[in-house]
Amino acid sequence: MANFISCDWGSTNLRIRLVQGDTGKVVAEERSDEGIVQTHARWKEQKMEENKRIPFYFSILQKYISKIEKDKGLSLSNEKVIISGMASSTLGMMEIPYKECPFSLEGSGLPMKKILSSREVYLISGVRTKDDIMRGEETLLAGCADQLKTDGFVICPGTHSKHIVVKGGECISFRTYMTGEFFCLLAFNSSLATCIVENKKMAPQEIQKYFLQGVEDSRKGQLLQLSFSVRTSVLLKQRKPEQNFYYLSGLLIGTELLTLPGLDSLFIIGSPSLLEPYQQALTFLFPSLPVTFVDEQEAIIKGQINIYHAHSVTQLR
């Protein structure tokens, strides 16, 4: 594949990258908080006809593509655009039905649709089981197909963390944990909010201390009661709000990880900011468990390339 534009469009964030198709190297990147939820709200406010929906959404992407063109002195009007994430949901550019589990990680069975006649813009859909859904993580898995040829267990941490079972090169099942969303709700939109303050200048050893204290307390299996202790710890001068930020993070991540079945190994695909706390929590809870960590940017780009190549031109058009 020649150079292409990789778009990862989540609920709250948008990432656009100009990528060398043969190497996967990122040439330029733009990031924004214009996620699908915000874009959908703006679309509804405009009260446009449904046939204007895709052009409206693509105008958001074009704004950031134009920034890359200006910064790099390039014309990108002929480059393919491959979009994964929430853009194929009911809130997105066009709803595309989910692929039923199981699906092959090599990508040919994943729905992919050309959505603009004026240029090559392709939209990747998500995957469902009888009682769960995901959009975006299927692309991460496709990007790690070479490393997941044997049976394994995968975690994709995030707002809605996914625990995925892989067998024989296929995703056969998965479950969703609202770890990231619960943290945001409690830390910023609950009665605990005044007792939680992020302080990135805290010493790393202090951050780790209170994070691991939360992980340790998660073993008690009393999430609802321990969550309220975030408030009482400040009122009773047992912890400071800055310490509670990392304590609550450890409590929630620990609660999620304690649901893991007995494993011989584990594979985690995520951003560096999430890989570090998950690594600390896993080392603390399961010190002998072998864990492989993969950066999600590399997985997304490789997954989009693999899914594109797995489809014939006839299928895509």
Protein backbone atom coordinates (compact mmCIF):
# COMPACT_ATOMS: atom_id res chain seq x y z
CA MET A 1 0.00 0.00 0.00
CA ALA A 2 1.17 3.54 -0.75
CA ASN A 3 0.91 6.29 1.86
CA PHE A 4 -2.53 6.42 3.50
CA ILE A 5 -4.38 8.39 6.15
CA SER A 6 -5.09 6.39 9.29
CA CYS A 7 -8.04 7.59 11.35
CA ASP A 8 -8.79 6.28 14.84
CA TRP A 9 -12.10 7.91 15.80
CA GLY A 10 -13.24 7.08 19.30
CA SER A 11 -16.09 8.33 21.44
CA THR A 12 -14.09 11.22 22.91
CA ASN A 13 -10.95 11.55 20.80
CA LEU A 14 -9.86 11.70 17.17
CA ARG A 15 -6.40 10.76 15.89
CA ILE A 16 -5.38 11.25 12.27
CA ARG A 17 -2.01 10.08 10.98
CA LEU A 18 -0.29 10.17 7.61
CA VAL A 19 1.33 6.74 7.35
CA GLN A 20 3.84 5.14 5.01
CA GLY A 21 1.94 2.07 3.84
CA ASP A 22 5.02 -0.08 3.23
CA THR A 23 6.69 0.55 6.60
CA GLY A 24 3.84 1.68 8.88
CA LYS A 25 5.91 4.74 9.85
CA VAL A 26 3.93 7.79 10.96
CA VAL A 27 4.90 10.82 8.86
CA ALA A 28 2.59 13.32 10.57
CA GLU A 29 -0.15 13.28 13.18
CA GLU A 30 -3.04 15.41 14.42
CA ARG A 31 -5.01 14.77 17.63
CA SER A 32 -8.28 16.31 18.74
CA ASP A 33 -11.04 15.99 21.31
CA GLU A 34 -13.63 16.08 18.50
CA GLY A 35 -14.72 12.53 19.17
CA ILE A 36 -17.76 10.82 17.74
CA VAL A 37 -20.06 11.83 20.63
CA GLN A 38 -19.26 15.53 20.20
CA THR A 39 -19.44 15.31 16.41
CA HIS A 40 -22.81 13.55 16.55
CA ALA A 41 -24.18 16.26 18.85
CA ARG A 42 -23.06 18.95 16.39
CA TRP A 43 -24.61 17.01 13.51
CA LYS A 44 -27.94 16.85 15.34
CA GLU A 45 -27.82 20.60 16.02
CA GLN A 46 -27.39 21.31 12.29
CA LYS A 47 -30.65 19.45 11.48
CA MET A 48 -29.30 18.39 8.09
CA GLU A 49 -30.81 15.76 5.83
CA GLU A 50 -29.46 12.24 6.34
CA ASN A 51 -27.71 12.24 2.97
CA LYS A 52 -25.51 15.10 4.23
CA ARG A 53 -24.32 13.11 7.24
CA ILE A 54 -21.21 11.49 5.76
CA PRO A 55 -19.97 14.74 4.14
CA PHE A 56 -20.52 16.57 7.44
CA TYR A 57 -18.45 14.04 9.39
CA PHE A 58 -15.77 13.94 6.72
CA SER A 59 -15.48 17.74 6.89
CA ILE A 60 -14.21 17.26 10.46
CA LEU A 61 -11.55 14.85 9.24
CA GLN A 62 -10.65 17.11 6.32
CA LYS A 63 -9.91 19.95 8.71
CA TYR A 64 -7.08 17.94 10.27
CA ILE A 65 -5.96 16.42 6.97
CA SER A 66 -5.58 20.00 5.68
CA LYS A 67 -3.40 20.84 8.69
CA ILE A 68 -1.07 17.98 7.80
CA GLU A 69 -1.03 19.12 4.17
CA LYS A 70 -0.09 22.64 5.22
CA ASP A 71 2.55 21.55 7.75
CA LYS A 72 4.19 19.08 5.36
CA GLY A 73 3.64 20.97 2.11
CA LEU A 74 1.80 18.01 0.61
CA SER A 75 -1.37 17.31 -1.30
CA LEU A 76 -3.22 14.35 0.20
CA SER A 77 -6.28 14.38 -2.03
CA ASN A 78 -5.41 10.99 -3.55
CA GLU A 79 -4.46 9.11 -0.37
CA LYS A 80 -6.78 6.42 0.96
CA VAL A 81 -8.46 7.17 4.31
CA ILE A 82 -9.07 4.16 6.58
CA ILE A 83 -11.25 4.76 9.62
CA SER A 84 -11.74 2.50 12.63
CA GLY A 85 -13.46 3.01 15.97
CA MET A 86 -16.87 4.51 16.70
CA ALA A 87 -17.30 6.08 13.25
CA SER A 88 -19.23 2.95 12.15
CA SER A 89 -21.67 3.12 15.08
CA THR A 90 -25.17 4.60 15.30
CA LEU A 91 -23.51 7.88 16.35
CA GLY A 92 -20.95 7.80 13.55
CA MET A 93 -20.67 8.54 9.84
CA MET A 94 -22.64 5.44 8.83
CA GLU A 95 -23.81 2.50 10.90
CA ILE A 96 -22.32 -0.77 9.69
CA PRO A 97 -23.56 -4.03 11.25
CA TYR A 98 -21.30 -5.85 13.68
CA LYS A 99 -19.44 -9.00 12.70
CA GLU A 100 -20.61 -11.92 14.79
CA CYS A 101 -17.95 -13.62 16.90
CA PRO A 102 -15.84 -15.57 16.22
CA PHE A 103 -13.70 -13.76 13.64
CA SER A 104 -10.31 -14.43 12.15
CA LEU A 105 -7.59 -12.02 13.27
CA GLU A 106 -6.26 -11.84 9.72
CA GLY A 107 -9.19 -9.53 9.00
CA SER A 108 -11.01 -10.81 5.93
CA GLY A 109 -14.27 -11.42 7.80
CA LEU A 110 -14.45 -7.97 9.36
CA PRO A 111 -16.95 -5.63 7.62
CA MET A 112 -15.23 -2.82 5.69
CA LYS A 113 -17.14 -0.42 3.45
CA LYS A 114 -16.25 2.31 1.00
CA ILE A 115 -18.37 5.28 2.05
CA LEU A 116 -17.48 8.12 -0.34
CA SER A 117 -17.62 8.02 -4.11
CA SER A 118 -15.42 11.10 -4.50
CA ARG A 119 -12.35 9.53 -2.86
CA GLU A 120 -11.24 6.26 -1.27
CA VAL A 121 -12.57 6.42 2.27
CA TYR A 122 -13.07 3.08 4.02
CA LEU A 123 -14.90 2.41 7.27
CA ILE A 124 -14.18 -0.64 9.45
CA SER A 125 -17.03 -1.99 11.55
CA GLY A 126 -16.99 -3.72 14.94
CA VAL A 127 -17.71 -7.13 16.43
CA ARG A 128 -20.43 -8.55 18.69
CA THR A 129 -21.22 -11.59 20.76
CA LYS A 130 -24.71 -12.45 21.98
CA ASP A 131 -24.32 -9.99 24.88
CA ASP A 132 -21.36 -7.67 24.20
CA ILE A 133 -19.97 -5.32 21.53
CA MET A 134 -16.73 -3.64 20.53
CA ARG A 135 -15.61 -1.16 17.89
CA GLY A 136 -11.93 -0.39 17.43
CA GLU A 137 -10.44 -3.26 19.39
CA GLU A 138 -10.98 -5.62 16.43
CA THR A 139 -8.49 -3.47 14.50
CA LEU A 140 -5.98 -3.70 17.36
CA LEU A 141 -6.30 -7.49 17.29
CA ALA A 142 -5.82 -7.59 13.52
CA GLY A 143 -2.64 -5.57 14.01
CA CYS A 144 -1.28 -8.26 16.32
CA ALA A 145 -2.33 -11.29 14.24
CA ASP A 146 1.27 -12.43 13.77
CA GLN A 147 1.83 -12.46 17.53
CA LEU A 148 -1.50 -14.12 18.38
CA LYS A 149 -1.34 -17.25 16.24
CA THR A 150 -1.57 -19.47 19.31
CA ASP A 151 -4.25 -19.45 22.02
CA GLY A 152 -4.10 -16.47 24.33
CA PHE A 153 -5.82 -13.84 26.42
CA VAL A 154 -5.76 -10.14 25.48
CA ILE A 155 -6.60 -6.97 27.40
CA CYS A 156 -7.25 -3.67 25.61
CA PRO A 157 -7.42 -1.16 28.49
CA GLY A 158 -9.31 2.09 28.14
CA THR A 159 -12.61 3.79 28.81
CA HIS A 160 -14.28 0.43 28.22
CA SER A 161 -11.56 -2.15 28.83
CA LYS A 162 -11.88 -5.36 26.80
CA HIS A 163 -10.86 -8.85 27.93
CA ILE A 164 -10.56 -11.02 24.84
CA VAL A 165 -10.11 -14.77 24.36
CA VAL A 166 -8.16 -15.86 21.27
CA LYS A 167 -8.03 -19.47 20.04
CA GLY A 168 -6.55 -20.79 16.82
CA GLY A 169 -6.03 -17.32 15.37
CA GLU A 170 -9.63 -16.28 16.07
CA CYS A 171 -11.31 -14.00 18.59
CA ILE A 172 -13.92 -16.30 20.10
CA SER A 173 -15.29 -14.19 22.98
CA PHE A 174 -14.76 -11.00 24.99
CA ARG A 175 -16.10 -9.02 27.93
CA THR A 176 -16.23 -5.29 28.61
CA TYR A 177 -15.23 -3.57 31.87
CA MET A 178 -16.13 0.11 32.36
CA THR A 179 -12.94 0.80 34.31
CA GLY A 180 -11.95 4.06 32.65
CA GLU A 181 -15.46 5.46 32.55
CA PHE A 182 -16.09 4.59 36.20
CA PHE A 183 -12.89 6.41 37.13
CA CYS A 184 -13.97 9.56 35.27
CA LEU A 185 -17.48 9.45 36.71
CA LEU A 186 -16.24 9.07 40.28
CA ALA A 187 -13.28 11.44 40.01
CA PHE A 188 -14.98 14.29 38.19
CA ASN A 189 -18.76 13.90 38.42
CA SER A 190 -19.57 12.47 41.84
CA SER A 191 -19.60 13.50 45.49
CA LEU A 192 -15.99 12.24 45.61
CA ALA A 193 -14.78 14.83 43.09
CA THR A 194 -13.70 17.40 45.71
CA CYS A 195 -11.53 14.72 47.32
CA ILE A 196 -9.66 13.76 44.13
CA VAL A 197 -7.07 15.98 42.44
CA GLU A 198 -4.54 14.98 39.80
CA ASN A 199 -1.02 16.19 40.49
CA LYS A 200 1.42 15.14 37.79
CA LYS A 201 4.27 16.67 39.78
CA MET A 202 4.00 14.10 42.56
CA ALA A 203 7.11 12.01 43.06
CA PRO A 204 6.94 8.71 41.12
CA GLN A 205 7.51 6.69 44.29
CA GLU A 206 4.55 8.42 46.01
CA ILE A 207 2.32 7.84 42.96
CA GLN A 208 3.25 4.17 42.98
CA LYS A 209 2.71 3.87 46.74
CA TYR A 210 -0.91 5.04 46.65
CA PHE A 211 -1.70 3.34 43.36
CA LEU A 212 -0.53 -0.01 44.74
CA GLN A 213 -2.40 0.65 47.97
CA GLY A 214 -5.55 0.83 45.86
CA VAL A 215 -4.58 -2.35 44.00
CA GLU A 216 -3.99 -4.14 47.33
CA ASP A 217 -7.35 -2.97 48.71
CA SER A 218 -9.10 -4.27 45.59
CA ARG A 219 -8.39 -7.79 46.90
CA LYS A 220 -10.99 -7.15 49.61
CA GLY A 221 -13.77 -7.24 47.02
CA GLN A 222 -15.52 -4.23 48.55
CA LEU A 223 -15.42 -1.71 45.70
CA LEU A 224 -18.55 0.21 46.68
CA GLN A 225 -17.48 0.65 50.30
CA LEU A 226 -13.84 1.40 49.48
CA SER A 227 -14.85 3.99 46.88
CA PHE A 228 -16.54 6.00 49.63
CA SER A 229 -13.36 5.79 51.69
CA VAL A 230 -11.89 8.21 49.13
CA ARG A 231 -14.11 10.88 50.72
CA THR A 232 -13.68 9.86 54.35
CA SER A 233 -9.89 9.58 53.95
CA VAL A 234 -9.73 13.32 53.23
CA LEU A 235 -12.20 14.34 55.93
CA LEU A 236 -10.33 12.23 58.49
CA LYS A 237 -6.93 13.38 57.16
CA GLN A 238 -5.78 9.89 56.20
CA ARG A 239 -5.02 10.68 52.53
CA LYS A 240 -4.73 13.86 50.51
CA PRO A 241 -6.82 14.50 47.36
CA GLU A 242 -3.67 14.15 45.23
CA GLN A 243 -3.02 10.72 46.73
CA ASN A 244 -6.64 9.67 46.23
CA PHE A 245 -6.34 10.18 42.46
CA TYR A 246 -3.88 7.31 42.24
CA TYR A 247 -5.52 5.27 45.00
CA LEU A 248 -8.84 5.22 43.13
CA SER A 249 -7.07 4.32 39.88
CA GLY A 250 -5.38 1.38 41.58
CA LEU A 251 -8.62 0.28 43.24
CA LEU A 252 -10.52 0.17 39.93
CA ILE A 253 -7.75 -1.38 37.82
CA GLY A 254 -7.13 -3.97 40.54
CA THR A 255 -10.83 -4.82 40.68
CA GLU A 256 -10.83 -5.34 36.90
CA LEU A 257 -7.70 -7.51 36.86
CA LEU A 258 -8.87 -9.75 39.69
CA THR A 259 -11.54 -11.07 37.33
CA LEU A 260 -8.85 -12.71 35.16
CA PRO A 261 -9.01 -16.49 34.89
CA GLY A 262 -5.95 -18.60 35.55
CA LEU A 263 -3.56 -17.73 32.69
CA ASP A 264 -0.25 -18.98 31.36
CA SER A 265 0.43 -15.63 29.67
CA LEU A 266 -1.23 -12.32 28.88
CA PHE A 267 -1.14 -9.87 25.98
CA ILE A 268 -1.97 -6.16 26.52
CA ILE A 269 -2.52 -3.62 23.73
CA GLY A 270 -2.75 -0.01 24.87
CA SER A 271 -1.33 3.50 25.01
CA PRO A 272 1.87 4.08 27.02
CA SER A 273 -0.11 6.04 29.63
CA LEU A 274 -2.26 2.97 30.33
CA LEU A 275 0.34 0.26 29.84
CA GLU A 276 2.40 1.51 32.79
CA PRO A 277 -0.31 1.33 35.50
CA TYR A 278 -1.57 -2.01 34.18
CA GLN A 279 1.97 -3.35 34.24
CA GLN A 280 2.43 -2.22 37.85
CA ALA A 281 -0.89 -3.73 38.93
CA LEU A 282 -0.24 -7.03 37.15
CA THR A 283 3.25 -7.33 38.62
CA PHE A 284 1.78 -6.72 42.06
CA LEU A 285 -1.17 -9.13 41.74
CA PHE A 286 0.37 -11.82 39.51
CA PRO A 287 4.17 -11.52 39.80
CA SER A 288 4.91 -14.73 37.88
CA LEU A 289 2.53 -14.08 34.94
CA PRO A 290 4.37 -13.44 31.63
CA VAL A 291 2.93 -10.31 29.99
CA THR A 292 3.57 -8.92 26.50
CA PHE A 293 2.86 -5.20 25.99
CA VAL A 294 2.13 -3.65 22.57
CA ASP A 295 1.69 0.05 21.79
CA GLU A 296 -1.80 0.65 20.41
CA GLN A 297 -0.64 3.12 17.74
CA GLU A 298 1.46 0.43 16.08
CA ALA A 299 -1.39 -2.09 16.40
CA ILE A 300 -4.02 0.26 14.93
CA ILE A 301 -1.92 1.15 11.90
CA LYS A 302 -0.89 -2.44 11.20
CA GLY A 303 -4.46 -3.63 11.79
CA GLN A 304 -5.89 -1.15 9.29
CA ILE A 305 -3.31 -2.22 6.71
CA ASN A 306 -3.98 -5.92 7.34
CA ILE A 307 -7.77 -5.54 7.14
CA TYR A 308 -7.51 -3.52 3.93
CA HIS A 309 -5.26 -6.09 2.29
CA ALA A 310 -7.49 -8.95 3.49
CA HIS A 311 -10.37 -7.57 1.40
CA SER A 312 -10.51 -7.77 -2.37
CA VAL A 313 -11.18 -4.64 -4.43
CA THR A 314 -14.58 -6.11 -5.31
CA GLN A 315 -15.51 -6.45 -1.66
CA LEU A 316 -14.41 -2.92 -0.83
CA ARG A 317 -16.31 -1.29 -3.69
